Amino acid sequence: EVQLVESGGGLVQPGGSLRLSCAASGFVFSSSPMSWVRQAPGKGLEWVSSITWGGSIKYYANSVKGRFTISRDNPKNTLYLQLNSLKTEDAAMYYCVKDNYRGQGTQVTVSS
C-alpha cells in the first residue's frame, strides 16, 4: 500500500523559510518520480514541483521558481521541499504526490 506522510508545515512570516518532508513507503521510492502540489483555501490543486527518480532533473512552477527547492533522499525514502522567501500567496496545504496517490498534506501558513 502506497503511503505518503508529509510534515514540516507551520506558521511563518513573509520572507521566512520552511522545509517540508514526505516519508514514503509501500513502493520502490528510488524508482519513482515524485511531485509536490498545493491547494489554497477555495482554490484547486496547483502543481508546484517535480523531481525525477534519481533527482538529477527538477521542474518548478513559475510561481515558485528561484524560491523553492525540491530534493530527495532515496536511501531514506524521503522527499523534501525547501520553501524560501515565502509570500502570503504561498499559504496552502502542501501534498506529496506519486502518480494518483497523495498524502494527507501539511499546512503552510504565511502571515505577519
Protein backbone atom coordinates (compact mmCIF):
# COMPACT_ATOMS: atom_id res chain seq x y z
CA GLU A 1 0.00 0.00 0.00
CA VAL A 2 1.37 3.37 -1.01
CA GLN A 3 1.79 5.68 1.95
CA LEU A 4 2.92 9.30 1.83
CA VAL A 5 3.24 11.23 5.07
CA GLU A 6 4.01 14.94 4.87
CA SER A 7 5.39 17.03 7.70
CA GLY A 8 7.18 20.30 8.34
CA GLY A 9 4.43 22.79 7.73
CA GLY A 10 3.68 25.63 10.09
CA LEU A 11 3.20 29.33 10.55
CA VAL A 12 5.90 31.57 9.16
CA GLN A 13 6.25 35.28 8.48
CA PRO A 14 6.55 36.59 4.92
CA GLY A 15 10.12 36.18 3.81
CA GLY A 16 10.61 33.19 6.06
CA SER A 17 11.53 29.61 5.28
CA LEU A 18 10.25 26.10 5.89
CA ARG A 19 11.35 22.64 4.88
CA LEU A 20 8.66 20.13 4.11
CA SER A 21 9.29 16.40 4.22
CA CYS A 22 7.41 13.45 2.80
CA ALA A 23 8.08 9.98 4.14
CA ALA A 24 7.21 7.39 1.51
CA SER A 25 6.53 3.68 1.84
CA GLY A 26 4.78 0.84 0.05
CA PHE A 27 6.54 1.26 -3.28
CA VAL A 28 10.01 1.49 -4.75
CA PHE A 29 10.72 5.13 -3.93
CA SER A 30 14.10 5.22 -5.66
CA SER A 31 12.45 4.37 -8.99
CA SER A 32 9.61 6.85 -8.73
CA PRO A 33 9.37 10.40 -9.98
CA MET A 34 7.75 12.50 -7.28
CA SER A 35 5.96 15.81 -7.06
CA TRP A 36 4.60 18.42 -4.72
CA VAL A 37 1.24 20.09 -5.24
CA ARG A 38 -0.62 22.59 -3.11
CA GLN A 39 -4.14 23.76 -2.53
CA ALA A 40 -5.06 27.12 -1.11
CA PRO A 41 -8.44 27.62 0.57
CA GLY A 42 -11.20 27.82 -2.02
CA LYS A 43 -8.87 27.04 -4.91
CA GLY A 44 -7.96 23.98 -6.94
CA LEU A 45 -4.83 21.90 -6.79
CA GLU A 46 -1.74 23.65 -8.11
CA TRP A 47 1.33 21.77 -9.23
CA VAL A 48 4.44 23.11 -7.51
CA SER A 49 7.43 20.98 -8.38
CA SER A 50 8.56 17.57 -9.64
CA ILE A 51 11.76 15.57 -9.48
CA THR A 52 12.97 12.58 -11.45
CA TRP A 53 13.67 9.27 -9.75
CA GLY A 54 17.38 9.96 -9.45
CA GLY A 55 16.98 13.59 -8.51
CA SER A 56 19.00 14.93 -11.41
CA ILE A 57 16.16 16.79 -13.11
CA LYS A 58 13.80 19.13 -11.30
CA TYR A 59 10.85 21.15 -12.50
CA TYR A 60 9.19 24.14 -10.89
CA ALA A 61 6.07 26.20 -11.38
CA ASN A 62 6.91 29.74 -12.40
CA SER A 63 5.30 31.00 -9.20
CA VAL A 64 7.92 29.28 -7.03
CA LYS A 65 10.97 29.12 -9.29
CA GLY A 66 14.03 30.53 -7.57
CA ARG A 67 12.42 30.32 -4.12
CA PHE A 68 11.58 26.64 -3.64
CA THR A 69 13.91 23.66 -3.99
CA ILE A 70 12.81 20.06 -4.37
CA SER A 71 15.13 17.25 -3.38
CA ARG A 72 15.06 13.63 -2.35
CA ASP A 73 16.99 11.15 -0.25
CA ASN A 74 16.41 7.77 -1.82
CA PRO A 75 18.06 5.66 0.91
CA LYS A 76 15.74 7.36 3.41
CA ASN A 77 12.65 7.14 1.14
CA THR A 78 12.06 10.82 1.75
CA LEU A 79 11.10 13.72 -0.47
CA TYR A 80 11.75 17.33 0.54
CA LEU A 81 10.64 20.78 -0.44
CA GLN A 82 12.63 23.76 0.81
CA LEU A 83 10.49 26.87 0.83
CA ASN A 84 12.37 30.18 0.99
CA SER A 85 11.28 33.80 0.67
CA LEU A 86 7.73 32.78 1.44
CA LYS A 87 4.89 35.01 0.35
CA THR A 88 1.34 35.21 1.64
CA GLU A 89 0.17 33.64 -1.60
CA ASP A 90 2.22 30.52 -0.82
CA ALA A 91 -0.12 29.68 2.05
CA ALA A 92 -1.77 26.36 1.28
CA MET A 93 -1.97 22.71 2.14
CA TYR A 94 1.03 21.05 0.55
CA TYR A 95 0.83 17.47 -0.68
CA CYS A 96 3.41 14.94 -1.74
CA VAL A 97 2.34 13.08 -4.88
CA LYS A 98 3.22 9.84 -6.58
CA ASP A 99 1.09 9.06 -9.64
CA ASN A 100 -2.50 9.29 -8.36
CA TYR A 101 -1.53 8.99 -4.71
CA ARG A 102 -1.07 11.83 -2.29
CA GLY A 103 -0.67 12.14 1.43
CA GLN A 104 -2.80 13.94 3.98
CA GLY A 105 -0.89 17.14 3.48
CA THR A 106 0.92 19.62 5.67
CA GLN A 107 -0.36 23.15 6.20
CA VAL A 108 1.77 26.17 5.41
CA THR A 109 0.53 29.48 6.76
CA VAL A 110 2.30 32.70 5.83
CA SER A 111 1.27 35.66 7.92
CA SER A 112 2.78 38.54 9.82
